[in-house]
Amino acid sequence: MTVEQSLLIHAIKASVCGVSVAQEAEPDWNEFVKLAGSHGLSAMAYDGLQKSNYPLPEKVGQAMHSYYMQAIFQDAQQEHLKKQLQAALVEADIKHIFLKGSVLKAAYPVPVLRTMCDMDILVYAADFGKIDSIAKELGGYGADKVIVCESPLLAVYNTDAYTKVICDVIEELKPEAFL
């Protein structure tokens, strides 16, 4: 395990569990920031290092603080969108359940640090027709494009089936980015 990997693990433990990060060998800070960013953990790593009073080089501290503030802003936007989406689904009488990150983040000691790029919502197949109008409204809430997938493979949750449907959509549309 590299020094950067070890430091990232300890920083996450500090953020989540409140344990201090002991200073080890000097990390390659560029590699650390890159590693934390590649796993979407920059804000949480910064939080853990701050809680531990871990000495950060000034430029690294500024960069990580920026990621931390972005996570707080992103969380506020997502919570606002979730409330609007919840209201639209209730108004359309669509039974639904929010899944995964948007729900699980409440279990984190600092929920805003559970960053995510999407919201997963489970609805009954019978309500798919109603979803189209709500999906069109969502374009006004920051989504460039909303794709609604209807497939018998999605009737019962199965990771392989969901993966196949998503891969088929990506293959067909060939987006520049997919979140």
Foldseek 3Di string as FASTA:
>chain_A
DAPLVVLQVQLLCCLFVVDADDDDPDDPLVVNCVVCVVVLNLLSSLNSCVSNVPDDDPVSNVVSVVSNVVLLVQLVLVVVVVVVLVVLCVVLVWDKDKDDLVPVLVVGPDSSSSDDDDIDMDTALVCLVVVVVVQVVCCVSPDVHDDDDDDPLPNDDDVVSVVVSVVVVCVVPVDPDDD
